[in-house]
């Protein structure tokens, strides 16, 4: 000490070094725990789905974390006694609050979208049930049921996604299901329009059949495809009705062999099959007649069917029916008991009129 006192320069230098050490050391520590907490809370918000459902609040919290981090770095660059981490602490505290707000808003949004999804599921399920009933009762079932099945598949997908909390994906599946039902409704309306345009023609066939039966006092058969009924007529009046099944694709006129459609037109029985039918007993009809051949040729000319297509034949009213579904290749199927009954009255030459739909008879 005496030596330093004898050397003022050396004393001043030592004093300056000591002061610098004190100045640089400081005593305020960086709020690393606050920063870690803010980062962790922001991560929780991200996992909760805040980026999707509460993005403004999430971005606010994210920005505050970055600001707090930068403020800590700025203070670390200052001399020890001048460091002040209070602002960084405040910013990080605000970030935690913003993350909590983002989480709360996310939960609210998820509750709303979950509720919306549940309503969508219930609505689609009801629509499918209604359309399934309509499709099952329609001759167009063969073409329409694939749309109903596709919509039902989307419903099952949406239900599974909803159970897993994947609401956005569930809503997407619901949208696809509803679009499929929209396509079904358009196709259904097209079939209805086509029926309406030809209804007067079918009714005229029925009227002529009834008039002829009334004039001759003889028997006739009328098949109403939409009603799935075969009517036995005697002297122009209904004598007996039978449930019947048709070709699996009977929503339209028969176009060609193998299309699964039951033909529409005025025919007659050309053969009674008591032992030679594949399906119990049968009445063989004169399909194709002249009208069928003309229509077939015109369809080929217009390119509606292939030039290599065949018109087909062997259309019968036969037994082995009662299955409760349209299943034949184009024939009309009755139960064996009903075939036995109808054969008591029908003979070769009996008129058979097949229409897609009737509204005024019987």
Protein backbone atom coordinates (compact mmCIF):
# COMPACT_ATOMS: atom_id res chain seq x y z
CA UNK A 1 0.00 0.00 0.00
CA UNK A 2 2.79 2.34 0.84
CA UNK A 3 4.35 1.36 -2.43
CA UNK A 4 1.14 2.36 -4.33
CA UNK A 5 0.96 5.58 -2.44
CA UNK A 6 4.59 6.34 -3.44
CA UNK A 7 3.54 5.63 -7.10
CA UNK A 8 0.33 7.59 -7.82
CA UNK A 9 0.15 6.30 -11.43
CA UNK A 10 0.19 2.70 -10.38
CA UNK A 11 -2.47 3.42 -7.70
CA UNK A 12 -4.74 5.09 -10.22
CA UNK A 13 -4.42 2.19 -12.67
CA UNK A 14 -5.26 -0.41 -10.00
CA UNK A 15 -8.23 1.63 -8.88
CA UNK A 16 -9.50 1.89 -12.47
CA UNK A 17 -9.22 -1.88 -13.03
CA UNK A 18 -11.14 -2.58 -9.82
CA UNK A 19 -13.85 -0.10 -10.81
CA UNK A 20 -14.13 -1.69 -14.26
CA UNK A 21 -14.49 -5.16 -12.77
CA UNK A 22 -17.27 -3.93 -10.50
CA UNK A 23 -18.91 -2.06 -13.37
CA UNK A 24 -18.89 -5.05 -15.73
CA UNK A 25 -19.99 -7.65 -13.20
CA UNK A 26 -23.36 -6.19 -12.20
CA UNK A 27 -25.84 -8.20 -10.14
CA UNK A 28 -29.05 -8.43 -12.30
CA UNK A 29 -29.53 -11.89 -13.88
CA UNK A 30 -31.28 -12.58 -17.25
CA UNK A 31 -34.87 -13.92 -16.82
CA UNK A 32 -34.13 -17.19 -18.60
CA UNK A 33 -36.86 -19.00 -16.66
CA UNK A 34 -39.44 -16.46 -17.81
CA UNK A 35 -38.25 -16.91 -21.38
CA UNK A 36 -38.50 -20.70 -21.09
CA UNK A 37 -42.01 -20.40 -19.63
CA UNK A 38 -43.11 -18.10 -22.44
CA UNK A 39 -41.72 -20.46 -25.09
CA UNK A 40 -43.39 -23.45 -23.44
CA UNK A 41 -46.75 -21.71 -23.28
CA UNK A 42 -46.48 -20.67 -26.93
CA UNK A 43 -45.73 -24.29 -27.82
CA UNK A 44 -48.84 -25.37 -25.87
CA UNK A 45 -50.91 -22.93 -27.90
CA UNK A 46 -49.49 -24.35 -31.12
CA UNK A 47 -50.27 -27.92 -30.07
CA UNK A 48 -53.80 -26.88 -29.14
CA UNK A 49 -54.37 -25.72 -32.70
CA UNK A 50 -54.13 -21.97 -32.19
CA UNK A 51 -52.37 -21.43 -35.51
CA UNK A 52 -55.52 -22.78 -37.20
CA UNK A 53 -58.27 -21.57 -34.89
CA UNK A 54 -56.85 -18.46 -33.15
CA UNK A 55 -54.02 -17.27 -35.38
CA UNK A 56 -54.13 -13.52 -34.46
CA UNK A 57 -53.77 -14.30 -30.76
CA UNK A 58 -51.08 -16.88 -31.49
CA UNK A 59 -49.07 -14.49 -33.67
CA UNK A 60 -49.34 -11.82 -30.98
CA UNK A 61 -47.91 -14.21 -28.38
CA UNK A 62 -45.20 -15.32 -30.80
CA UNK A 63 -44.18 -11.72 -31.47
CA UNK A 64 -44.02 -10.94 -27.75
CA UNK A 65 -41.75 -13.94 -27.16
CA UNK A 66 -39.42 -12.67 -29.85
CA UNK A 67 -39.49 -9.14 -28.40
CA UNK A 68 -38.78 -10.42 -24.90
CA UNK A 69 -35.93 -12.54 -26.23
CA UNK A 70 -34.42 -9.57 -28.07
CA UNK A 71 -34.80 -7.37 -25.01
CA UNK A 72 -32.86 -9.89 -22.93
CA UNK A 73 -30.13 -9.96 -25.57
CA UNK A 74 -30.06 -6.16 -25.62
CA UNK A 75 -29.68 -5.97 -21.86
CA UNK A 76 -26.98 -8.64 -21.90
CA UNK A 77 -24.98 -6.37 -24.14
CA UNK A 78 -25.03 -3.53 -21.64
CA UNK A 79 -22.65 -2.91 -18.76
CA UNK A 80 -23.61 -4.82 -15.63
CA UNK A 81 -24.92 -1.99 -13.44
CA UNK A 82 -26.90 -0.66 -16.42
CA UNK A 83 -28.72 -3.91 -17.14
CA UNK A 84 -32.44 -3.89 -16.44
CA UNK A 85 -34.50 -6.97 -17.30
CA UNK A 86 -37.81 -5.62 -16.01
CA UNK A 87 -39.01 -4.72 -19.50
CA UNK A 88 -38.10 -8.19 -20.78
CA UNK A 89 -39.93 -9.76 -17.84
CA UNK A 90 -43.03 -7.66 -18.59
CA UNK A 91 -42.97 -8.52 -22.28
CA UNK A 92 -42.60 -12.23 -21.54
CA UNK A 93 -45.44 -12.07 -19.00
CA UNK A 94 -47.64 -10.47 -21.70
CA UNK A 95 -46.60 -13.24 -24.07
CA UNK A 96 -47.77 -15.90 -21.63
CA UNK A 97 -51.12 -14.11 -21.29
CA UNK A 98 -51.42 -13.92 -25.09
CA UNK A 99 -50.67 -17.64 -25.39
CA UNK A 100 -53.32 -18.40 -22.78
CA UNK A 101 -55.77 -16.22 -24.69
CA UNK A 102 -54.92 -18.10 -27.90
CA UNK A 103 -55.55 -21.42 -26.16
CA UNK A 104 -58.89 -20.20 -24.79
CA UNK A 105 -59.99 -18.91 -28.19
CA UNK A 106 -58.90 -22.16 -29.79
CA UNK A 107 -61.04 -24.14 -27.38
CA UNK A 108 -64.01 -21.89 -28.11
CA UNK A 109 -63.49 -22.30 -31.86
CA UNK A 110 -63.16 -26.05 -31.52
CA UNK A 111 -66.37 -26.19 -29.51
CA UNK A 112 -68.15 -24.26 -32.25
CA UNK A 113 -66.76 -26.32 -35.11
CA UNK A 114 -67.46 -29.53 -33.19
CA UNK A 115 -71.06 -28.42 -32.74
CA UNK A 116 -71.27 -27.48 -36.41
CA UNK A 117 -69.89 -30.88 -37.36
CA UNK A 118 -72.39 -32.69 -35.16
CA UNK A 119 -75.25 -30.79 -36.79
CA UNK A 120 -73.82 -31.63 -40.21
CA UNK A 121 -73.58 -35.31 -39.31
CA UNK A 122 -77.18 -35.40 -38.12
CA UNK A 123 -78.42 -33.58 -41.22
CA UNK A 124 -76.50 -35.81 -43.66
CA UNK A 125 -77.69 -38.92 -41.84
CA UNK A 126 -81.33 -37.81 -42.17
CA UNK A 127 -80.89 -36.93 -45.83
CA UNK A 128 -79.32 -40.30 -46.58
CA UNK A 129 -82.17 -42.10 -44.81
CA UNK A 130 -84.75 -40.17 -46.86
CA UNK A 131 -82.92 -40.72 -50.13
CA UNK A 132 -82.37 -44.40 -49.40
CA UNK A 133 -86.10 -44.84 -48.98
CA UNK A 134 -86.75 -43.01 -52.26
CA UNK A 135 -84.04 -44.92 -54.11
CA UNK A 136 -85.21 -48.30 -52.84
CA UNK A 137 -88.70 -47.53 -54.11
CA UNK A 138 -87.49 -46.37 -57.50
CA UNK A 139 -86.96 -48.31 -60.69
CA UNK A 140 -83.75 -46.30 -61.02
CA UNK A 141 -82.28 -47.98 -57.95
CA UNK A 142 -79.63 -49.74 -60.02
CA UNK A 143 -78.19 -46.38 -61.09
CA UNK A 144 -79.05 -44.29 -58.05
CA UNK A 145 -77.97 -46.48 -55.16
CA UNK A 146 -74.26 -46.01 -55.87
CA UNK A 147 -74.71 -42.30 -55.10
CA UNK A 148 -76.55 -43.08 -51.87
CA UNK A 149 -73.81 -45.58 -50.95
CA UNK A 150 -71.08 -43.04 -51.70
CA UNK A 151 -72.79 -40.44 -49.50
CA UNK A 152 -73.12 -43.00 -46.70
CA UNK A 153 -69.40 -43.77 -46.98
CA UNK A 154 -68.58 -40.06 -46.55
CA UNK A 155 -70.88 -39.99 -43.53
CA UNK A 156 -68.93 -42.84 -41.90
CA UNK A 157 -65.64 -41.09 -42.69
CA UNK A 158 -66.92 -37.85 -41.16
CA UNK A 159 -68.15 -39.67 -38.04
CA UNK A 160 -64.74 -41.27 -37.48
CA UNK A 161 -62.91 -37.98 -38.03
CA UNK A 162 -65.25 -36.20 -35.62
CA UNK A 163 -64.58 -38.80 -32.95
CA UNK A 164 -60.84 -38.16 -33.37
CA UNK A 165 -61.33 -34.40 -33.12
CA UNK A 166 -60.33 -33.80 -36.75
CA UNK A 167 -63.20 -31.42 -37.34
CA UNK A 168 -61.94 -29.68 -40.48
CA UNK A 169 -61.43 -33.00 -42.23
CA UNK A 170 -64.85 -34.14 -40.99
CA UNK A 171 -66.46 -31.04 -42.50
CA UNK A 172 -64.69 -31.75 -45.79
CA UNK A 173 -66.12 -35.28 -45.80
CA UNK A 174 -69.58 -33.87 -45.05
CA UNK A 175 -69.26 -31.48 -47.97
CA UNK A 176 -68.41 -34.40 -50.27
CA UNK A 177 -71.36 -36.37 -48.94
CA UNK A 178 -73.77 -33.50 -49.55
CA UNK A 179 -72.39 -32.96 -53.05
CA UNK A 180 -72.97 -36.64 -53.81
CA UNK A 181 -76.58 -36.31 -52.65
CA UNK A 182 -76.96 -33.23 -54.85
CA UNK A 183 -75.84 -35.30 -57.84
CA UNK A 184 -78.30 -38.00 -56.80
CA UNK A 185 -81.15 -35.47 -56.65
CA UNK A 186 -80.33 -34.19 -60.13
CA UNK A 187 -80.31 -37.70 -61.57
CA UNK A 188 -83.50 -38.56 -59.70
CA UNK A 189 -85.19 -35.46 -61.16
CA UNK A 190 -84.01 -36.42 -64.64
CA UNK A 191 -85.67 -39.82 -64.30
CA UNK A 192 -88.86 -38.17 -63.04
CA UNK A 193 -88.88 -35.75 -65.97
CA UNK A 194 -88.36 -38.59 -68.43
CA UNK A 195 -91.29 -40.46 -66.86
CA UNK A 196 -93.51 -37.38 -67.05
CA UNK A 197 -92.79 -36.90 -70.76
CA UNK A 198 -93.89 -40.45 -71.63
CA UNK A 199 -96.71 -40.86 -69.12
CA UNK A 200 -99.41 -40.06 -71.69
CA UNK A 201 -98.03 -42.75 -74.04
CA UNK A 202 -98.10 -45.41 -71.36
CA UNK A 203 -101.59 -44.37 -70.35
CA UNK A 204 -102.76 -44.70 -73.95
CA UNK A 205 -101.40 -48.28 -74.04
CA UNK A 206 -103.36 -49.11 -70.91
CA UNK A 207 -106.54 -47.50 -72.25
CA UNK A 208 -106.26 -49.46 -75.51
CA UNK A 209 -105.63 -52.71 -73.65
CA UNK A 210 -108.67 -52.17 -71.43
CA UNK A 211 -110.85 -51.20 -74.39
CA UNK A 212 -109.87 -54.29 -76.37
CA UNK A 213 -110.47 -56.56 -73.37
CA UNK A 214 -113.82 -54.92 -72.82
CA UNK A 215 -114.78 -55.33 -76.47
CA UNK A 216 -113.79 -58.99 -76.70
CA UNK A 217 -114.67 -60.01 -73.15
CA UNK A 218 -111.22 -61.65 -72.98
CA UNK A 219 -108.28 -61.63 -70.61
CA UNK A 220 -105.23 -59.37 -70.71
CA UNK A 221 -102.22 -58.62 -68.52
CA UNK A 222 -100.89 -55.18 -67.58
CA UNK A 223 -97.51 -54.86 -65.89
CA UNK A 224 -96.85 -51.58 -64.06
CA UNK A 225 -93.11 -51.50 -63.43
CA UNK A 226 -93.14 -48.60 -60.93
CA UNK A 227 -95.86 -50.24 -58.86
CA UNK A 228 -94.21 -53.67 -59.20
CA UNK A 229 -97.63 -55.06 -60.01
CA UNK A 230 -99.00 -57.43 -62.65
CA UNK A 231 -102.74 -57.03 -63.21
CA UNK A 232 -105.04 -59.70 -64.65
CA UNK A 233 -107.82 -58.06 -66.69
CA UNK A 234 -111.13 -59.65 -67.64
CA UNK A 235 -113.60 -57.81 -69.90
CA UNK A 236 -111.81 -54.52 -69.29
CA UNK A 237 -111.99 -54.80 -65.49
CA UNK A 238 -109.40 -55.72 -62.86
CA UNK A 239 -109.78 -59.37 -61.89
CA UNK A 240 -106.60 -59.96 -59.86
CA UNK A 241 -103.32 -58.24 -59.03
CA UNK A 242 -99.96 -59.86 -58.28
CA UNK A 243 -96.74 -58.48 -56.86
CA UNK A 244 -93.88 -58.85 -59.30
CA UNK A 245 -90.15 -58.34 -59.66
CA UNK A 246 -88.36 -57.00 -62.71
CA UNK A 247 -85.02 -56.67 -64.40
CA UNK A 248 -82.33 -55.22 -62.16
CA UNK A 249 -82.09 -52.10 -64.38
CA UNK A 250 -85.71 -51.32 -65.21
CA UNK A 251 -85.71 -47.53 -64.89
CA UNK A 252 -85.82 -47.16 -68.67
CA UNK A 253 -86.91 -48.86 -71.85
CA UNK A 254 -84.91 -51.94 -72.81
CA UNK A 255 -82.16 -50.96 -75.26
CA UNK A 256 -80.21 -54.13 -75.94
CA UNK A 257 -79.42 -57.64 -74.78
CA UNK A 258 -77.86 -57.82 -71.33
CA UNK A 259 -78.85 -54.33 -70.10
CA UNK A 260 -81.04 -55.77 -67.33
CA UNK A 261 -84.08 -53.69 -68.34
CA UNK A 262 -87.63 -54.99 -68.61
CA UNK A 263 -89.06 -53.87 -71.98
CA UNK A 264 -92.02 -51.49 -72.25
CA UNK A 265 -94.65 -51.93 -74.93
CA UNK A 266 -97.63 -53.95 -76.11
CA UNK A 267 -96.91 -57.64 -76.49
CA UNK A 268 -98.69 -60.97 -76.45
CA UNK A 269 -98.03 -64.42 -75.05
CA UNK A 270 -96.56 -66.67 -77.74
CA UNK A 271 -95.85 -69.79 -75.67
CA UNK A 272 -96.92 -71.35 -72.38
CA UNK A 273 -93.95 -73.02 -70.70
CA UNK A 274 -95.01 -75.56 -68.13
CA UNK A 275 -91.79 -77.58 -68.00
CA UNK A 276 -89.16 -75.89 -70.18
CA UNK A 277 -88.73 -72.66 -68.23
CA UNK A 278 -85.62 -72.12 -66.13
CA UNK A 279 -87.82 -70.43 -63.52
CA UNK A 280 -90.69 -72.78 -62.65
CA UNK A 281 -93.36 -71.99 -65.29
CA UNK A 282 -93.46 -69.12 -67.78
CA UNK A 283 -95.31 -67.10 -70.37
CA UNK A 284 -92.98 -66.29 -73.28
CA UNK A 285 -93.66 -62.88 -74.85
CA UNK A 286 -93.12 -61.81 -78.46
CA UNK A 287 -90.25 -59.46 -77.60
CA UNK A 288 -88.76 -58.11 -79.78
CA UNK A 289 -91.77 -57.02 -81.85
CA UNK A 290 -91.75 -54.61 -84.81
CA UNK A 291 -91.74 -51.52 -82.57
CA UNK A 292 -88.76 -52.86 -80.60
CA UNK A 293 -86.80 -53.57 -83.80
CA UNK A 294 -87.47 -50.11 -85.22
CA UNK A 295 -86.38 -48.45 -81.97
CA UNK A 296 -83.29 -50.66 -81.79
CA UNK A 297 -82.28 -49.76 -85.36
CA UNK A 298 -82.83 -46.05 -84.70
CA UNK A 299 -80.73 -46.19 -81.51
CA UNK A 300 -77.91 -47.77 -83.49
CA UNK A 301 -78.20 -45.12 -86.19
CA UNK A 302 -77.99 -42.32 -83.61
CA UNK A 303 -75.04 -43.93 -81.85
CA UNK A 304 -77.00 -44.48 -78.63
CA UNK A 305 -75.94 -48.12 -78.67
CA UNK A 306 -73.08 -49.92 -80.35
CA UNK A 307 -73.48 -51.19 -83.90
CA UNK A 308 -72.39 -54.58 -82.55
CA UNK A 309 -75.16 -54.68 -79.92
CA UNK A 310 -77.83 -57.39 -80.03
CA UNK A 311 -81.50 -56.72 -79.38
CA UNK A 312 -81.96 -59.77 -77.15
CA UNK A 313 -85.06 -61.87 -76.53
CA UNK A 314 -86.58 -64.59 -74.31
CA UNK A 315 -88.56 -62.11 -72.24
CA UNK A 316 -90.96 -64.03 -69.99
CA UNK A 317 -93.39 -63.67 -67.18
CA UNK A 318 -92.10 -66.52 -65.02
CA UNK A 319 -92.02 -67.98 -61.54
CA UNK A 320 -89.44 -68.12 -58.75
CA UNK A 321 -90.33 -64.57 -57.71
CA UNK A 322 -90.96 -63.32 -54.20
CA UNK A 323 -87.35 -62.34 -53.52
CA UNK A 324 -88.33 -58.76 -52.67
CA UNK A 325 -85.89 -57.20 -55.11
CA UNK A 326 -85.50 -56.64 -58.85
CA UNK A 327 -83.13 -59.36 -59.98
CA UNK A 328 -84.04 -60.74 -63.40
CA UNK A 329 -82.27 -60.11 -66.69
CA UNK A 330 -85.36 -58.30 -67.97
CA UNK A 331 -88.23 -60.69 -67.30
CA UNK A 332 -91.20 -60.28 -64.96
CA UNK A 333 -91.08 -62.65 -61.98
CA UNK A 334 -94.06 -63.79 -59.92
CA UNK A 335 -94.24 -66.25 -57.07
CA UNK A 336 -94.86 -69.84 -58.12
CA UNK A 337 -98.28 -69.75 -56.48
CA UNK A 338 -99.25 -66.65 -58.50
CA UNK A 339 -97.94 -68.25 -61.69
CA UNK A 340 -100.17 -71.25 -61.09
CA UNK A 341 -103.14 -68.93 -60.60
CA UNK A 342 -102.46 -66.78 -63.67
CA UNK A 343 -102.02 -69.85 -65.88
CA UNK A 344 -105.65 -70.80 -65.20
CA UNK A 345 -106.72 -67.79 -67.33
CA UNK A 346 -103.89 -66.80 -69.68
CA UNK A 347 -103.31 -68.62 -72.95
CA UNK A 348 -101.17 -68.13 -76.06
CA UNK A 349 -102.28 -64.92 -77.73
CA UNK A 350 -103.24 -63.13 -74.47
CA UNK A 351 -102.26 -59.42 -74.73
CA UNK A 352 -99.56 -58.20 -72.31
CA UNK A 353 -98.96 -54.47 -71.86
CA UNK A 354 -95.88 -53.33 -69.93
CA UNK A 355 -95.63 -49.69 -68.82
CA UNK A 356 -93.10 -47.94 -66.66
CA UNK A 357 -95.73 -46.00 -64.75
CA UNK A 358 -99.45 -45.31 -64.53
CA UNK A 359 -101.32 -42.69 -62.50
CA UNK A 360 -104.94 -43.16 -63.59
CA UNK A 361 -105.25 -46.93 -63.38
CA UNK A 362 -106.22 -49.12 -61.68
